[in-house]
Structures are given as C-alpha cells and as structure tokens.
C-alpha atoms as a PDB file:
ATOM      1  CA  MET A   1      -6.067 244.389  58.309  1.00  0.00           C
ATOM      2  CA  LYS A   2      -8.628 246.589  59.607  1.00  0.00           C
ATOM      3  CA  LEU A   3      -9.830 247.350  56.036  1.00  0.00           C
ATOM      4  CA  SER A   4     -10.899 243.917  55.436  1.00  0.00           C
ATOM      5  CA  TYR A   5     -14.506 242.605  56.040  1.00  0.00           C
ATOM      6  CA  SER A   6     -13.383 239.120  57.058  1.00  0.00           C
ATOM      7  CA  LYS A   7     -12.033 238.426  60.464  1.00  0.00           C
ATOM      8  CA  PRO A   8      -8.397 237.315  60.421  1.00  0.00           C
ATOM      9  CA  PHE A   9      -7.754 233.740  61.596  1.00  0.00           C
ATOM     10  CA  PRO A  10      -4.496 232.115  62.113  1.00  0.00           C
ATOM     11  CA  LYS A  11      -3.357 229.953  59.277  1.00  0.00           C
ATOM     12  CA  HIS A  12      -1.263 226.848  60.250  1.00  0.00           C
ATOM     13  CA  VAL A  13       1.206 225.176  58.046  1.00  0.00           C
ATOM     14  CA  LEU A  14      -0.061 221.693  58.669  1.00  0.00           C
ATOM     15  CA  GLY A  15      -3.744 221.088  58.839  1.00  0.00           C
ATOM     16  CA  LEU A  16      -5.578 219.230  61.635  1.00  0.00           C
ATOM     17  CA  LEU A  17      -5.866 216.134  59.551  1.00  0.00           C
ATOM     18  CA  THR A  18      -2.348 216.161  58.514  1.00  0.00           C
ATOM     19  CA  LYS A  19      -1.443 216.436  62.143  1.00  0.00           C
ATOM     20  CA  ILE A  20      -3.503 213.409  63.111  1.00  0.00           C
ATOM     21  CA  TRP A  21      -1.999 211.403  60.245  1.00  0.00           C
ATOM     22  CA  ILE A  22       1.596 212.372  61.151  1.00  0.00           C
ATOM     23  CA  PHE A  23       0.843 211.340  64.791  1.00  0.00           C
ATOM     24  CA  TYR A  24      -0.380 208.023  63.981  1.00  0.00           C
ATOM     25  CA  ILE A  25       2.613 207.298  61.425  1.00  0.00           C
ATOM     26  CA  LEU A  26       5.068 208.394  64.260  1.00  0.00           C
ATOM     27  CA  LEU A  27       3.196 206.266  66.689  1.00  0.00           C
ATOM     28  CA  SER A  28       3.395 203.116  64.414  1.00  0.00           C
ATOM     29  CA  VAL A  29       7.048 203.742  63.770  1.00  0.00           C
ATOM     30  CA  GLY A  30       7.710 203.893  67.691  1.00  0.00           C
ATOM     31  CA  VAL A  31       5.515 200.815  68.121  1.00  0.00           C
ATOM     32  CA  VAL A  32       7.621 198.974  65.524  1.00  0.00           C
ATOM     33  CA  TYR A  33      10.848 199.896  67.096  1.00  0.00           C
ATOM     34  CA  GLY A  34       9.580 199.083  70.513  1.00  0.00           C
ATOM     35  CA  LEU A  35       8.386 195.630  69.323  1.00  0.00           C
ATOM     36  CA  THR A  36      11.759 195.131  67.587  1.00  0.00           C
ATOM     37  CA  TYR A  37      13.706 195.950  70.768  1.00  0.00           C
ATOM     38  CA  PHE A  38      11.394 193.823  72.831  1.00  0.00           C
ATOM     39  CA  LEU A  39      11.828 190.799  70.514  1.00  0.00           C
ATOM     40  CA  GLN A  40      15.646 191.292  70.366  1.00  0.00           C
ATOM     41  CA  GLU A  41      15.686 191.149  74.205  1.00  0.00           C
ATOM     42  CA  TYR A  42      13.299 188.243  74.335  1.00  0.00           C
ATOM     43  CA  ILE A  43      15.560 186.354  71.854  1.00  0.00           C
ATOM     44  CA  LYS A  44      18.536 187.154  74.029  1.00  0.00           C
ATOM     45  CA  VAL A  45      16.799 185.767  77.227  1.00  0.00           C
ATOM     46  CA  THR A  46      15.609 182.790  75.261  1.00  0.00           C
ATOM     47  CA  GLN A  47      19.162 182.028  74.252  1.00  0.00           C
ATOM     48  CA  THR A  48      20.444 182.337  77.673  1.00  0.00           C
ATOM     49  CA  HIS A  49      17.835 180.042  78.834  1.00  0.00           C
ATOM     50  CA  ALA A  50      18.740 177.636  76.188  1.00  0.00           C
ATOM     51  CA  ARG A  51      22.497 177.796  77.046  1.00  0.00           C
ATOM     52  CA  ILE A  52      21.527 177.299  80.663  1.00  0.00           C
ATOM     53  CA  SER A  53      19.298 174.294  79.768  1.00  0.00           C
ATOM     54  CA  GLN A  54      22.103 172.887  77.702  1.00  0.00           C
ATOM     55  CA  VAL A  55      24.713 173.031  80.413  1.00  0.00           C
ATOM     56  CA  GLN A  56      22.066 171.400  82.864  1.00  0.00           C
ATOM     57  CA  ALA A  57      21.507 168.709  80.321  1.00  0.00           C
ATOM     58  CA  ASP A  58      25.221 168.090  79.992  1.00  0.00           C
ATOM     59  CA  ILE A  59      25.643 168.000  83.842  1.00  0.00           C
ATOM     60  CA  TYR A  60      22.726 165.461  83.942  1.00  0.00           C
ATOM     61  CA  ASN A  61      24.082 163.322  81.364  1.00  0.00           C
ATOM     62  CA  HIS A  62      27.519 163.256  82.952  1.00  0.00           C
ATOM     63  CA  GLU A  63      25.878 162.363  86.257  1.00  0.00           C
ATOM     64  CA  ALA A  64      23.946 159.702  84.577  1.00  0.00           C
ATOM     65  CA  ASP A  65      27.121 158.182  83.116  1.00  0.00           C
ATOM     66  CA  ARG A  66      28.761 158.282  86.437  1.00  0.00           C
ATOM     67  CA  ILE A  67      25.801 156.460  88.003  1.00  0.00           C
ATOM     68  CA  LYS A  68      26.074 153.909  85.221  1.00  0.00           C
ATOM     69  CA  GLU A  69      29.755 153.310  85.745  1.00  0.00           C
ATOM     70  CA  SER A  70      29.214 153.114  89.526  1.00  0.00           C
ATOM     71  CA  ILE A  71      26.401 150.416  88.960  1.00  0.00           C
ATOM     72  CA  GLU A  72      28.617 148.580  86.622  1.00  0.00           C
ATOM     73  CA  ARG A  73      31.483 148.662  89.310  1.00  0.00           C
ATOM     74  CA  THR A  74      28.995 147.485  91.877  1.00  0.00           C
ATOM     75  CA  LYS A  75      27.797 144.605  89.543  1.00  0.00           C
ATOM     76  CA  LYS A  76      31.523 143.428  88.992  1.00  0.00           C
ATOM     77  CA  THR A  77      31.999 143.673  92.816  1.00  0.00           C
ATOM     78  CA  ILE A  78      29.006 141.572  93.359  1.00  0.00           C
ATOM     79  CA  GLN A  79      30.063 138.908  90.640  1.00  0.00           C
ATOM     80  CA  THR A  80      33.585 138.892  92.277  1.00  0.00           C
ATOM     81  CA  LEU A  81      32.161 138.401  95.744  1.00  0.00           C
ATOM     82  CA  GLN A  82      29.865 135.679  94.441  1.00  0.00           C
ATOM     83  CA  SER A  83      32.672 134.004  92.670  1.00  0.00           C
ATOM     84  CA  ARG A  84      34.797 134.168  95.823  1.00  0.00           C
ATOM     85  CA  ALA A  85      31.874 132.830  97.865  1.00  0.00           C
ATOM     86  CA  THR A  86      31.632 129.699  95.286  1.00  0.00           C
ATOM     87  CA  TYR A  87      35.436 129.339  95.645  1.00  0.00           C
ATOM     88  CA  ALA A  88      35.281 129.304  99.391  1.00  0.00           C
ATOM     89  CA  VAL A  89      32.447 126.693  99.444  1.00  0.00           C
ATOM     90  CA  ASN A  90      34.384 124.567  96.970  1.00  0.00           C
ATOM     91  CA  ALA A  91      37.602 124.900  98.956  1.00  0.00           C
ATOM     92  CA  LYS A  92      35.770 124.060 102.047  1.00  0.00           C
ATOM     93  CA  ASP A  93      34.295 121.018 100.541  1.00  0.00           C
ATOM     94  CA  SER A  94      37.562 119.920  98.960  1.00  0.00           C
ATOM     95  CA  ILE A  95      39.443 120.450 102.286  1.00  0.00           C
ATOM     96  CA  GLN A  96      36.676 118.366 104.105  1.00  0.00           C
ATOM     97  CA  GLY A  97      37.119 115.551 101.403  1.00  0.00           C
ATOM     98  CA  VAL A  98      40.719 115.405 101.963  1.00  0.00           C
ATOM     99  CA  LEU A  99      40.373 115.427 105.841  1.00  0.00           C
ATOM    100  CA  GLU A 100      37.758 112.636 105.559  1.00  0.00           C
ATOM    101  CA  ILE A 101      40.321 110.274 103.805  1.00  0.00           C
ATOM    102  CA  ILE A 102      43.133 110.835 106.423  1.00  0.00           C
ATOM    103  CA  PRO A 103      43.162 108.269 109.141  1.00  0.00           C
ATOM    104  CA  ASP A 104      43.566 109.011 112.951  1.00  0.00           C
ATOM    105  CA  SER A 105      47.004 107.519 113.011  1.00  0.00           C
ATOM    106  CA  ILE A 106      48.480 110.243 110.687  1.00  0.00           C
ATOM    107  CA  THR A 107      49.128 113.768 111.887  1.00  0.00           C
ATOM    108  CA  ILE A 108      48.814 116.646 109.322  1.00  0.00           C
ATOM    109  CA  SER A 109      50.694 119.831 110.092  1.00  0.00           C
ATOM    110  CA  SER A 110      49.761 121.757 106.901  1.00  0.00           C
ATOM    111  CA  ILE A 111      47.558 121.738 103.974  1.00  0.00           C
ATOM    112  CA  THR A 112      47.911 123.889 100.800  1.00  0.00           C
ATOM    113  CA  ILE A 113      45.202 123.560  98.126  1.00  0.00           C
ATOM    114  CA  ASP A 114      45.412 125.334  95.003  1.00  0.00           C
ATOM    115  CA  TYR A 115      43.200 124.936  91.917  1.00  0.00           C
ATOM    116  CA  SER A 116      44.807 121.813  90.545  1.00  0.00           C
ATOM    117  CA  ARG A 117      47.261 121.117  93.365  1.00  0.00           C
ATOM    118  CA  LEU A 118      47.399 119.679  96.801  1.00  0.00           C
ATOM    119  CA  VAL A 119      50.287 119.749  99.183  1.00  0.00           C
ATOM    120  CA  PHE A 120      50.243 118.581 102.685  1.00  0.00           C
ATOM    121  CA  GLN A 121      52.780 117.796 105.349  1.00  0.00           C
ATOM    122  CA  GLY A 122      52.605 115.738 108.345  1.00  0.00           C
ATOM    123  CA  VAL A 123      53.997 112.872 110.669  1.00  0.00           C
ATOM    124  CA  VAL A 124      53.092 109.212 110.039  1.00  0.00           C
ATOM    125  CA  PRO A 125      54.173 106.152 112.193  1.00  0.00           C
ATOM    126  CA  SER A 126      55.354 104.178 108.904  1.00  0.00           C
ATOM    127  CA  LYS A 127      55.554 104.631 105.193  1.00  0.00           C
ATOM    128  CA  GLU A 128      53.273 101.625 104.680  1.00  0.00           C
ATOM    129  CA  ILE A 129      50.394 103.015 106.648  1.00  0.00           C
ATOM    130  CA  PHE A 130      50.660 106.162 104.413  1.00  0.00           C
ATOM    131  CA  LYS A 131      50.746 104.270 101.292  1.00  0.00           C
ATOM    132  CA  ASN A 132      48.026 101.914 102.060  1.00  0.00           C
ATOM    133  CA  THR A 133      45.708 104.546 103.410  1.00  0.00           C
ATOM    134  CA  ILE A 134      46.143 107.934 101.802  1.00  0.00           C
ATOM    135  CA  GLN A 135      48.300 107.267  98.634  1.00  0.00           C
ATOM    136  CA  GLN A 136      45.916 105.003  96.930  1.00  0.00           C
ATOM    137  CA  ARG A 137      43.197 107.440  97.403  1.00  0.00           C
ATOM    138  CA  LEU A 138      45.270 110.405  96.175  1.00  0.00           C
ATOM    139  CA  ASP A 139      46.517 108.240  93.176  1.00  0.00           C
ATOM    140  CA  SER A 140      42.886 107.934  92.177  1.00  0.00           C
ATOM    141  CA  ILE A 141      42.070 111.507  92.546  1.00  0.00           C
ATOM    142  CA  PHE A 142      45.271 113.240  91.063  1.00  0.00           C
ATOM    143  CA  GLU A 143      47.222 112.333  87.953  1.00  0.00           C
ATOM    144  CA  ASN A 144      50.550 113.144  89.550  1.00  0.00           C
ATOM    145  CA  SER A 145      51.180 112.051  93.083  1.00  0.00           C
ATOM    146  CA  HIS A 146      54.621 112.350  94.847  1.00  0.00           C
ATOM    147  CA  VAL A 147      55.548 111.810  98.361  1.00  0.00           C
ATOM    148  CA  GLU A 148      58.773 112.367 100.284  1.00  0.00           C
ATOM    149  CA  PHE A 149      59.540 110.911 103.629  1.00  0.00           C
ATOM    150  CA  THR A 150      61.928 112.158 106.082  1.00  0.00           C
ATOM    151  CA  PRO A 151      62.714 109.854 109.222  1.00  0.00           C
ATOM    152  CA  LEU A 152      62.395 111.563 112.733  1.00  0.00           C
ATOM    153  CA  GLY A 153      64.269 110.486 115.955  1.00  0.00           C
ATOM    154  CA  ASN A 154      61.355 108.607 117.387  1.00  0.00           C
ATOM    155  CA  GLY A 155      61.044 106.147 114.527  1.00  0.00           C
ATOM    156  CA  TRP A 156      58.237 108.198 112.884  1.00  0.00           C
ATOM    157  CA  TYR A 157      58.364 109.897 109.494  1.00  0.00           C
ATOM    158  CA  LYS A 158      57.730 113.320 108.482  1.00  0.00           C
ATOM    159  CA  PHE A 159      56.241 113.398 105.026  1.00  0.00           C
ATOM    160  CA  ILE A 160      55.432 116.004 102.412  1.00  0.00           C
ATOM    161  CA  SER A 161      52.912 114.790  99.690  1.00  0.00           C
ATOM    162  CA  THR A 162      52.603 116.934  96.458  1.00  0.00           C
ATOM    163  CA  ASN A 163      49.720 116.091  94.186  1.00  0.00           C
ATOM    164  CA  SER A 164      48.653 117.743  91.003  1.00  0.00           C
ATOM    165  CA  SER A 165      46.239 117.263  88.149  1.00  0.00           C
ATOM    166  CA  ASP A 166      45.497 118.795  84.817  1.00  0.00           C
ATOM    167  CA  LEU A 167      41.923 119.219  85.790  1.00  0.00           C
ATOM    168  CA  PRO A 168      41.120 121.638  88.544  1.00  0.00           C
ATOM    169  CA  PHE A 169      40.854 120.202  92.135  1.00  0.00           C
ATOM    170  CA  ILE A 170      38.850 123.388  93.059  1.00  0.00           C
ATOM    171  CA  GLU A 171      36.708 125.243  90.593  1.00  0.00           C
ATOM    172  CA  LYS A 172      38.449 128.465  89.677  1.00  0.00           C
ATOM    173  CA  ALA A 173      36.744 131.613  90.786  1.00  0.00           C
ATOM    174  CA  THR A 174      35.834 133.712  87.778  1.00  0.00           C
ATOM    175  CA  ASN A 175      36.090 137.497  88.011  1.00  0.00           C
END
C-alpha cells in the first residue's frame, strides 16, 4: 500500500454507533433478566412470609378457641359453685327450721335431708309426745309422713321418721 496516496486506516466490521446500540440492547436484556430473577425471588420470599403468617394465624385462632373453652369451663364452674352455695344456704335454712320444731324432750341422733325427703332418728320418752309435738307439724309440711317406734329397755322409744313430698323440701341445685 505504499503506492496509495491515502493513508491506510483500520476498518472495523462494526461501526462505533452499532457497538453502542448493541451495548444498550445487551444491557437492557440483562436488566430485564435481572429484574425477572429479583421478582421471582421476591415472590418466593413473600409466599414464605404468607405461609408463616397463616401458620401464626392458625396458632392464634387455636389459642383463642382454647381460651374461650377455658372461659366457658370457668363460667360453668362458677355457676356450679353458686348453685352449691344456694343449695347449702337452703339446706341450712331447712335444717334450722326442722330443728326449731323439735322440743327439748326429744333427742335426735341423725337427720338426713334430701330434695323432697326428710328422715330423722332419735329417742323420745313417749309416742304421744312425738305425735303431739312433731308429727302434727311434719304432716302439715310433707304429703307423706311415716314414723316407726322401737321400745328401749328404759321405757323410752327409738324412732325413725320418714317424710316425703312431691314438691322439693330443698330447692335443687342446678348445674
């Protein structure tokens, strides 16, 4: 090339503008793939957090249900205790009422009170004292009243008085 008047210069296959254009195309494709990868990873992380949140929500719901059941059991226990307290007060009043009608000459050895039944045992000097003092009052309180006398060696009588009614003598405790 020494015979030419122009100075030789290297000729490239791709021009400068084409190189810039190809660089930006490759850069944009890389950015798109990078964003796609980032979004996929972000979706995976978000799904993991969503699963964790769902499990926590299930745990909290289960705990709330357990606490509600505990509250209901506590309420039932309180109601049971209140009804037992009411029953105890009613039983005390009933026993006190029965003891008030018993004169001093009669000795009571045991009293059994049920909802609609009263049984008491004791010793009395004579059948007439029992019939005139206690039996009349028991007949007015109970629908069915029965007494059995057993003579003792000292002239007194051992008695078992069984009294029952269709209506409750003591108000039943409700659970």
